[in-house]
Amino acid sequence: MYQPLHCVALRTIKYNDKLPAKIKLCGDFDSEVHWHKEIELIYIGKGKLTVFKNGDEYSLNKGDIFLFNSGEIHQLTSENKEDIEILT
């Protein structure tokens, strides 16, 4: 199965099978360029994340929320390779 996410020391917290959300706790976070059939909403609980989408670059910090529409090509990477918490 294709895994676009590279997350060192990944620990995923999943509440239950009916809630399509996960919390990723990472010491380092990088993804390949990818897209999804469904929308994707991410929330930054800790750290900083750079988002590349449609040729634009966005810097996200703790407390920021970002939405990807269906089919939007994007890439995510952590800044400074610090610990990061992401709710997806």
PDB file of N, CA and C in Angstrom:
ATOM      1  N   MET A   1       0.834  -1.177   0.000  1.00  0.00           N
ATOM      2  CA  MET A   1       0.000   0.000   0.000  1.00  0.00           C
ATOM      3  C   MET A   1       0.882   1.245   0.000  1.00  0.00           C
ATOM      4  N   TYR A   2       0.504   2.241  -0.763  1.00  0.00           N
ATOM      5  CA  TYR A   2       1.252   3.488  -0.880  1.00  0.00           C
ATOM      6  C   TYR A   2       1.184   4.268   0.422  1.00  0.00           C
ATOM      7  N   GLN A   3       2.321   4.666   0.957  1.00  0.00           N
ATOM      8  CA  GLN A   3       2.402   5.462   2.173  1.00  0.00           C
ATOM      9  C   GLN A   3       3.097   6.777   1.850  1.00  0.00           C
ATOM     10  N   PRO A   4       2.352   7.856   1.573  1.00  0.00           N
ATOM     11  CA  PRO A   4       2.988   9.114   1.196  1.00  0.00           C
ATOM     12  C   PRO A   4       3.665   9.825   2.352  1.00  0.00           C
ATOM     13  N   LEU A   5       3.443   9.385   3.574  1.00  0.00           N
ATOM     14  CA  LEU A   5       3.920  10.069   4.757  1.00  0.00           C
ATOM     15  C   LEU A   5       5.163   9.396   5.315  1.00  0.00           C
ATOM     16  N   HIS A   6       6.180  10.171   5.610  1.00  0.00           N
ATOM     17  CA  HIS A   6       7.343   9.674   6.337  1.00  0.00           C
ATOM     18  C   HIS A   6       7.366  10.425   7.659  1.00  0.00           C
ATOM     19  N   CYS A   7       7.210   9.700   8.729  1.00  0.00           N
ATOM     20  CA  CYS A   7       7.141  10.323  10.048  1.00  0.00           C
ATOM     21  C   CYS A   7       8.015   9.509  10.987  1.00  0.00           C
ATOM     22  N   VAL A   8       9.152  10.050  11.392  1.00  0.00           N
ATOM     23  CA  VAL A   8      10.043   9.364  12.296  1.00  0.00           C
ATOM     24  C   VAL A   8       9.392   9.283  13.673  1.00  0.00           C
ATOM     25  N   ALA A   9       9.498   8.134  14.324  1.00  0.00           N
ATOM     26  CA  ALA A   9       8.912   7.907  15.650  1.00  0.00           C
ATOM     27  C   ALA A   9       7.402   8.165  15.630  1.00  0.00           C
ATOM     28  N   LEU A  10       6.749   7.667  14.591  1.00  0.00           N
ATOM     29  CA  LEU A  10       5.311   7.859  14.435  1.00  0.00           C
ATOM     30  C   LEU A  10       4.546   7.114  15.511  1.00  0.00           C
ATOM     31  N   ARG A  11       3.641   7.810  16.132  1.00  0.00           N
ATOM     32  CA  ARG A  11       2.666   7.186  17.006  1.00  0.00           C
ATOM     33  C   ARG A  11       1.324   7.739  16.582  1.00  0.00           C
ATOM     34  N   THR A  12       0.439   6.882  16.132  1.00  0.00           N
ATOM     35  CA  THR A  12      -0.869   7.320  15.670  1.00  0.00           C
ATOM     36  C   THR A  12      -1.898   6.983  16.732  1.00  0.00           C
ATOM     37  N   ILE A  13      -2.684   7.957  17.110  1.00  0.00           N
ATOM     38  CA  ILE A  13      -3.768   7.759  18.072  1.00  0.00           C
ATOM     39  C   ILE A  13      -5.067   7.804  17.289  1.00  0.00           C
ATOM     40  N   LYS A  14      -5.809   6.707  17.323  1.00  0.00           N
ATOM     41  CA  LYS A  14      -7.080   6.632  16.614  1.00  0.00           C
ATOM     42  C   LYS A  14      -8.173   6.418  17.659  1.00  0.00           C
ATOM     43  N   TYR A  15      -9.167   7.278  17.678  1.00  0.00           N
ATOM     44  CA  TYR A  15     -10.197   7.204  18.704  1.00  0.00           C
ATOM     45  C   TYR A  15     -11.094   5.987  18.534  1.00  0.00           C
ATOM     46  N   ASN A  16     -11.649   5.803  17.360  1.00  0.00           N
ATOM     47  CA  ASN A  16     -12.437   4.608  17.064  1.00  0.00           C
ATOM     48  C   ASN A  16     -12.596   4.496  15.552  1.00  0.00           C
ATOM     49  N   ASP A  17     -13.096   3.357  15.103  1.00  0.00           N
ATOM     50  CA  ASP A  17     -13.200   3.121  13.664  1.00  0.00           C
ATOM     51  C   ASP A  17     -14.240   3.992  12.978  1.00  0.00           C
ATOM     52  N   LYS A  18     -15.149   4.590  13.721  1.00  0.00           N
ATOM     53  CA  LYS A  18     -16.199   5.427  13.125  1.00  0.00           C
ATOM     54  C   LYS A  18     -15.757   6.870  12.948  1.00  0.00           C
ATOM     55  N   LEU A  19     -14.670   7.259  13.593  1.00  0.00           N
ATOM     56  CA  LEU A  19     -14.169   8.636  13.496  1.00  0.00           C
ATOM     57  C   LEU A  19     -12.963   8.644  12.566  1.00  0.00           C
ATOM     58  N   PRO A  20     -13.098   9.240  11.377  1.00  0.00           N
ATOM     59  CA  PRO A  20     -11.997   9.204  10.402  1.00  0.00           C
ATOM     60  C   PRO A  20     -10.928  10.252  10.687  1.00  0.00           C
ATOM     61  N   ALA A  21     -10.348  10.209  11.886  1.00  0.00           N
ATOM     62  CA  ALA A  21      -9.322  11.181  12.252  1.00  0.00           C
ATOM     63  C   ALA A  21      -8.218  10.464  13.013  1.00  0.00           C
ATOM     64  N   LYS A  22      -6.995  10.968  12.859  1.00  0.00           N
ATOM     65  CA  LYS A  22      -5.836  10.411  13.540  1.00  0.00           C
ATOM     66  C   LYS A  22      -4.985  11.560  14.052  1.00  0.00           C
ATOM     67  N   ILE A  23      -4.289  11.309  15.145  1.00  0.00           N
ATOM     68  CA  ILE A  23      -3.280  12.250  15.619  1.00  0.00           C
ATOM     69  C   ILE A  23      -1.933  11.605  15.367  1.00  0.00           C
ATOM     70  N   LYS A  24      -1.060  12.308  14.669  1.00  0.00           N
ATOM     71  CA  LYS A  24       0.279  11.804  14.380  1.00  0.00           C
ATOM     72  C   LYS A  24       1.275  12.576  15.239  1.00  0.00           C
ATOM     73  N   LEU A  25       2.054  11.860  16.014  1.00  0.00           N
ATOM     74  CA  LEU A  25       3.091  12.461  16.839  1.00  0.00           C
ATOM     75  C   LEU A  25       4.419  12.115  16.195  1.00  0.00           C
ATOM     76  N   CYS A  26       5.142  13.111  15.724  1.00  0.00           N
ATOM     77  CA  CYS A  26       6.337  12.872  14.925  1.00  0.00           C
ATOM     78  C   CYS A  26       7.529  13.640  15.466  1.00  0.00           C
ATOM     79  N   GLY A  27       8.698  13.065  15.287  1.00  0.00           N
ATOM     80  CA  GLY A  27       9.928  13.787  15.558  1.00  0.00           C
ATOM     81  C   GLY A  27      10.435  14.461  14.298  1.00  0.00           C
ATOM     82  N   ASP A  28       9.884  14.078  13.182  1.00  0.00           N
ATOM     83  CA  ASP A  28      10.291  14.564  11.864  1.00  0.00           C
ATOM     84  C   ASP A  28       9.137  14.199  10.939  1.00  0.00           C
ATOM     85  N   PHE A  29       8.812  15.033   9.988  1.00  0.00           N
ATOM     86  CA  PHE A  29       7.634  14.783   9.167  1.00  0.00           C
ATOM     87  C   PHE A  29       7.892  15.220   7.736  1.00  0.00           C
ATOM     88  N   ASP A  30       7.751  14.309   6.808  1.00  0.00           N
ATOM     89  CA  ASP A  30       7.865  14.627   5.380  1.00  0.00           C
ATOM     90  C   ASP A  30       6.913  13.736   4.604  1.00  0.00           C
ATOM     91  N   SER A  31       6.301  14.276   3.589  1.00  0.00           N
ATOM     92  CA  SER A  31       5.463  13.464   2.708  1.00  0.00           C
ATOM     93  C   SER A  31       5.934  13.644   1.273  1.00  0.00           C
ATOM     94  N   GLU A  32       5.603  12.680   0.453  1.00  0.00           N
ATOM     95  CA  GLU A  32       5.824  12.821  -0.974  1.00  0.00           C
ATOM     96  C   GLU A  32       4.694  13.675  -1.534  1.00  0.00           C
ATOM     97  N   VAL A  33       4.837  14.136  -2.759  1.00  0.00           N
ATOM     98  CA  VAL A  33       3.748  14.836  -3.432  1.00  0.00           C
ATOM     99  C   VAL A  33       2.632  13.817  -3.644  1.00  0.00           C
ATOM    100  N   HIS A  34       1.414  14.171  -3.221  1.00  0.00           N
ATOM    101  CA  HIS A  34       0.305  13.228  -3.316  1.00  0.00           C
ATOM    102  C   HIS A  34      -1.028  13.968  -3.346  1.00  0.00           C
ATOM    103  N   TRP A  35      -2.115  13.210  -3.484  1.00  0.00           N
ATOM    104  CA  TRP A  35      -3.464  13.758  -3.471  1.00  0.00           C
ATOM    105  C   TRP A  35      -4.401  12.690  -2.922  1.00  0.00           C
ATOM    106  N   HIS A  36      -5.639  13.094  -2.608  1.00  0.00           N
ATOM    107  CA  HIS A  36      -6.645  12.186  -2.062  1.00  0.00           C
ATOM    108  C   HIS A  36      -7.964  12.371  -2.807  1.00  0.00           C
ATOM    109  N   LYS A  37      -8.759  11.320  -2.864  1.00  0.00           N
ATOM    110  CA  LYS A  37     -10.113  11.440  -3.426  1.00  0.00           C
ATOM    111  C   LYS A  37     -10.988  12.287  -2.506  1.00  0.00           C
ATOM    112  N   GLU A  38     -10.769  12.152  -1.213  1.00  0.00           N
ATOM    113  CA  GLU A  38     -11.572  12.882  -0.233  1.00  0.00           C
ATOM    114  C   GLU A  38     -10.869  14.182   0.160  1.00  0.00           C
ATOM    115  N   ILE A  39     -11.590  15.067   0.837  1.00  0.00           N
ATOM    116  CA  ILE A  39     -10.950  16.278   1.356  1.00  0.00           C
ATOM    117  C   ILE A  39     -10.053  15.880   2.526  1.00  0.00           C
ATOM    118  N   GLU A  40      -9.088  16.733   2.835  1.00  0.00           N
ATOM    119  CA  GLU A  40      -8.213  16.495   3.983  1.00  0.00           C
ATOM    120  C   GLU A  40      -8.123  17.778   4.784  1.00  0.00           C
ATOM    121  N   LEU A  41      -8.357  17.659   6.073  1.00  0.00           N
ATOM    122  CA  LEU A  41      -8.258  18.781   6.999  1.00  0.00           C
ATOM    123  C   LEU A  41      -7.150  18.435   7.985  1.00  0.00           C
ATOM    124  N   ILE A  42      -6.197  19.344   8.152  1.00  0.00           N
ATOM    125  CA  ILE A  42      -5.138  19.106   9.135  1.00  0.00           C
ATOM    126  C   ILE A  42      -5.128  20.236  10.158  1.00  0.00           C
ATOM    127  N   TYR A  43      -4.804  19.880  11.383  1.00  0.00           N
ATOM    128  CA  TYR A  43      -4.668  20.824  12.491  1.00  0.00           C
ATOM    129  C   TYR A  43      -3.294  20.620  13.108  1.00  0.00           C
ATOM    130  N   ILE A  44      -2.552  21.699  13.312  1.00  0.00           N
ATOM    131  CA  ILE A  44      -1.219  21.623  13.897  1.00  0.00           C
ATOM    132  C   ILE A  44      -1.343  21.817  15.406  1.00  0.00           C
ATOM    133  N   GLY A  45      -1.073  20.749  16.159  1.00  0.00           N
ATOM    134  CA  GLY A  45      -1.146  20.810  17.619  1.00  0.00           C
ATOM    135  C   GLY A  45       0.154  21.257  18.247  1.00  0.00           C
ATOM    136  N   LYS A  46       1.263  21.027  17.529  1.00  0.00           N
ATOM    137  CA  LYS A  46       2.584  21.390  18.046  1.00  0.00           C
ATOM    138  C   LYS A  46       3.546  21.464  16.865  1.00  0.00           C
ATOM    139  N   GLY A  47       4.458  22.414  16.897  1.00  0.00           N
ATOM    140  CA  GLY A  47       5.499  22.511  15.880  1.00  0.00           C
ATOM    141  C   GLY A  47       5.116  23.392  14.703  1.00  0.00           C
ATOM    142  N   LYS A  48       5.890  23.271  13.642  1.00  0.00           N
ATOM    143  CA  LYS A  48       5.694  24.050  12.420  1.00  0.00           C
ATOM    144  C   LYS A  48       5.699  23.108  11.227  1.00  0.00           C
ATOM    145  N   LEU A  49       4.870  23.404  10.232  1.00  0.00           N
ATOM    146  CA  LEU A  49       4.742  22.566   9.049  1.00  0.00           C
ATOM    147  C   LEU A  49       4.708  23.456   7.817  1.00  0.00           C
ATOM    148  N   THR A  50       5.401  23.055   6.773  1.00  0.00           N
ATOM    149  CA  THR A  50       5.330  23.751   5.500  1.00  0.00           C
ATOM    150  C   THR A  50       4.463  22.937   4.561  1.00  0.00           C
ATOM    151  N   VAL A  51       3.503  23.609   3.916  1.00  0.00           N
ATOM    152  CA  VAL A  51       2.600  22.971   2.963  1.00  0.00           C
ATOM    153  C   VAL A  51       2.898  23.538   1.583  1.00  0.00           C
ATOM    154  N   PHE A  52       3.049  22.661   0.613  1.00  0.00           N
ATOM    155  CA  PHE A  52       3.199  23.048  -0.785  1.00  0.00           C
ATOM    156  C   PHE A  52       1.930  22.591  -1.503  1.00  0.00           C
ATOM    157  N   LYS A  53       1.214  23.544  -2.112  1.00  0.00           N
ATOM    158  CA  LYS A  53      -0.049  23.242  -2.778  1.00  0.00           C
ATOM    159  C   LYS A  53      -0.211  24.148  -3.985  1.00  0.00           C
ATOM    160  N   ASN A  54      -0.439  23.547  -5.147  1.00  0.00           N
ATOM    161  CA  ASN A  54      -0.683  24.303  -6.384  1.00  0.00           C
ATOM    162  C   ASN A  54       0.388  25.360  -6.655  1.00  0.00           C
ATOM    163  N   GLY A  55       1.654  25.026  -6.374  1.00  0.00           N
ATOM    164  CA  GLY A  55       2.753  25.948  -6.643  1.00  0.00           C
ATOM    165  C   GLY A  55       2.967  27.007  -5.577  1.00  0.00           C
ATOM    166  N   ASP A  56       2.137  27.009  -4.536  1.00  0.00           N
ATOM    167  CA  ASP A  56       2.287  27.974  -3.444  1.00  0.00           C
ATOM    168  C   ASP A  56       2.829  27.284  -2.201  1.00  0.00           C
ATOM    169  N   GLU A  57       3.474  28.061  -1.337  1.00  0.00           N
ATOM    170  CA  GLU A  57       4.045  27.551  -0.089  1.00  0.00           C
ATOM    171  C   GLU A  57       3.369  28.250   1.082  1.00  0.00           C
ATOM    172  N   TYR A  58       2.964  27.464   2.082  1.00  0.00           N
ATOM    173  CA  TYR A  58       2.295  28.000   3.266  1.00  0.00           C
ATOM    174  C   TYR A  58       3.033  27.504   4.509  1.00  0.00           C
ATOM    175  N   SER A  59       3.262  28.392   5.468  1.00  0.00           N
ATOM    176  CA  SER A  59       3.874  28.023   6.741  1.00  0.00           C
ATOM    177  C   SER A  59       2.790  27.944   7.802  1.00  0.00           C
ATOM    178  N   LEU A  60       2.665  26.775   8.406  1.00  0.00           N
ATOM    179  CA  LEU A  60       1.657  26.564   9.443  1.00  0.00           C
ATOM    180  C   LEU A  60       2.332  26.419  10.790  1.00  0.00           C
ATOM    181  N   ASN A  61       1.685  26.947  11.826  1.00  0.00           N
ATOM    182  CA  ASN A  61       2.188  26.898  13.190  1.00  0.00           C
ATOM    183  C   ASN A  61       1.124  26.297  14.106  1.00  0.00           C
ATOM    184  N   LYS A  62       1.515  26.056  15.346  1.00  0.00           N
ATOM    185  CA  LYS A  62       0.595  25.518  16.345  1.00  0.00           C
ATOM    186  C   LYS A  62      -0.723  26.298  16.314  1.00  0.00           C
ATOM    187  N   GLY A  63      -1.829  25.551  16.231  1.00  0.00           N
ATOM    188  CA  GLY A  63      -3.149  26.164  16.223  1.00  0.00           C
ATOM    189  C   GLY A  63      -3.724  26.409  14.839  1.00  0.00           C
ATOM    190  N   ASP A  64      -2.896  26.278  13.796  1.00  0.00           N
ATOM    191  CA  ASP A  64      -3.371  26.512  12.427  1.00  0.00           C
ATOM    192  C   ASP A  64      -4.133  25.300  11.892  1.00  0.00           C
ATOM    193  N   ILE A  65      -5.081  25.589  11.016  1.00  0.00           N
ATOM    194  CA  ILE A  65      -5.882  24.576  10.331  1.00  0.00           C
ATOM    195  C   ILE A  65      -5.723  24.805   8.831  1.00  0.00           C
ATOM    196  N   PHE A  66      -5.629  23.711   8.067  1.00  0.00           N
ATOM    197  CA  PHE A  66      -5.478  23.822   6.615  1.00  0.00           C
ATOM    198  C   PHE A  66      -6.374  22.784   5.960  1.00  0.00           C
ATOM    199  N   LEU A  67      -7.018  23.166   4.869  1.00  0.00           N
ATOM    200  CA  LEU A  67      -7.944  22.285   4.156  1.00  0.00           C
ATOM    201  C   LEU A  67      -7.448  22.035   2.735  1.00  0.00           C
ATOM    202  N   PHE A  68      -7.428  20.771   2.346  1.00  0.00           N
ATOM    203  CA  PHE A  68      -7.128  20.383   0.973  1.00  0.00           C
ATOM    204  C   PHE A  68      -8.416  19.868   0.356  1.00  0.00           C
ATOM    205  N   ASN A  69      -8.751  20.361  -0.804  1.00  0.00           N
ATOM    206  CA  ASN A  69      -9.934  19.888  -1.509  1.00  0.00           C
ATOM    207  C   ASN A  69      -9.620  18.550  -2.175  1.00  0.00           C
ATOM    208  N   SER A  70     -10.635  17.860  -2.581  1.00  0.00           N
ATOM    209  CA  SER A  70     -10.480  16.597  -3.283  1.00  0.00           C
ATOM    210  C   SER A  70      -9.632  16.798  -4.535  1.00  0.00           C
ATOM    211  N   GLY A  71      -8.617  15.950  -4.698  1.00  0.00           N
ATOM    212  CA  GLY A  71      -7.794  15.992  -5.900  1.00  0.00           C
ATOM    213  C   GLY A  71      -6.688  17.032  -5.908  1.00  0.00           C
ATOM    214  N   GLU A  72      -6.551  17.836  -4.856  1.00  0.00           N
ATOM    215  CA  GLU A  72      -5.483  18.842  -4.823  1.00  0.00           C
ATOM    216  C   GLU A  72      -4.135  18.183  -4.544  1.00  0.00           C
ATOM    217  N   ILE A  73      -3.193  18.426  -5.421  1.00  0.00           N
ATOM    218  CA  ILE A  73      -1.854  17.874  -5.255  1.00  0.00           C
ATOM    219  C   ILE A  73      -1.117  18.705  -4.208  1.00  0.00           C
ATOM    220  N   HIS A  74      -0.510  18.009  -3.224  1.00  0.00           N
ATOM    221  CA  HIS A  74       0.154  18.724  -2.138  1.00  0.00           C
ATOM    222  C   HIS A  74       1.287  17.904  -1.541  1.00  0.00           C
ATOM    223  N   GLN A  75       2.097  18.600  -0.735  1.00  0.00           N
ATOM    224  CA  GLN A  75       3.213  17.982  -0.032  1.00  0.00           C
ATOM    225  C   GLN A  75       3.357  18.683   1.306  1.00  0.00           C
ATOM    226  N   LEU A  76       3.744  17.939   2.340  1.00  0.00           N
ATOM    227  CA  LEU A  76       3.913  18.476   3.682  1.00  0.00           C
ATOM    228  C   LEU A  76       5.315  18.154   4.182  1.00  0.00           C
ATOM    229  N   THR A  77       5.921  19.089   4.891  1.00  0.00           N
ATOM    230  CA  THR A  77       7.224  18.840   5.500  1.00  0.00           C
ATOM    231  C   THR A  77       7.345  19.674   6.773  1.00  0.00           C
ATOM    232  N   SER A  78       7.985  19.109   7.787  1.00  0.00           N
ATOM    233  CA  SER A  78       8.176  19.862   9.029  1.00  0.00           C
ATOM    234  C   SER A  78       9.367  20.787   8.885  1.00  0.00           C
ATOM    235  N   GLU A  79       9.258  21.951   9.500  1.00  0.00           N
ATOM    236  CA  GLU A  79      10.354  22.915   9.488  1.00  0.00           C
ATOM    237  C   GLU A  79      11.284  22.610  10.654  1.00  0.00           C
ATOM    238  N   ASN A  80      12.559  22.751  10.454  1.00  0.00           N
ATOM    239  CA  ASN A  80      13.578  22.587  11.506  1.00  0.00           C
ATOM    240  C   ASN A  80      13.616  21.176  12.086  1.00  0.00           C
ATOM    241  N   LYS A  81      12.886  20.241  11.506  1.00  0.00           N
ATOM    242  CA  LYS A  81      12.889  18.839  11.948  1.00  0.00           C
ATOM    243  C   LYS A  81      12.642  18.701  13.447  1.00  0.00           C
ATOM    244  N   GLU A  82      11.743  19.505  13.973  1.00  0.00           N
ATOM    245  CA  GLU A  82      11.403  19.465  15.398  1.00  0.00           C
ATOM    246  C   GLU A  82      10.190  18.562  15.604  1.00  0.00           C
ATOM    247  N   ASP A  83       9.885  18.272  16.855  1.00  0.00           N
ATOM    248  CA  ASP A  83       8.697  17.474  17.165  1.00  0.00           C
ATOM    249  C   ASP A  83       7.459  18.184  16.681  1.00  0.00           C
ATOM    250  N   ILE A  84       6.513  17.403  16.158  1.00  0.00           N
ATOM    251  CA  ILE A  84       5.294  17.973  15.628  1.00  0.00           C
ATOM    252  C   ILE A  84       4.123  17.052  15.942  1.00  0.00           C
ATOM    253  N   GLU A  85       2.958  17.637  16.188  1.00  0.00           N
ATOM    254  CA  GLU A  85       1.723  16.903  16.383  1.00  0.00           C
ATOM    255  C   GLU A  85       0.734  17.391  15.337  1.00  0.00           C
ATOM    256  N   ILE A  86       0.158  16.446  14.602  1.00  0.00           N
ATOM    257  CA  ILE A  86      -0.765  16.790  13.509  1.00  0.00           C
ATOM    258  C   ILE A  86      -2.037  15.969  13.661  1.00  0.00           C
ATOM    259  N   LEU A  87      -3.179  16.622  13.648  1.00  0.00           N
ATOM    260  CA  LEU A  87      -4.463  15.944  13.618  1.00  0.00           C
ATOM    261  C   LEU A  87      -4.953  15.954  12.185  1.00  0.00           C
ATOM    262  N   THR A  88      -5.182  14.766  11.603  1.00  0.00           N
ATOM    263  CA  THR A  88      -5.680  14.656  10.234  1.00  0.00           C
ATOM    264  C   THR A  88      -6.967  13.869  10.204  1.00  0.00           C
TER     265      THR A  88
END
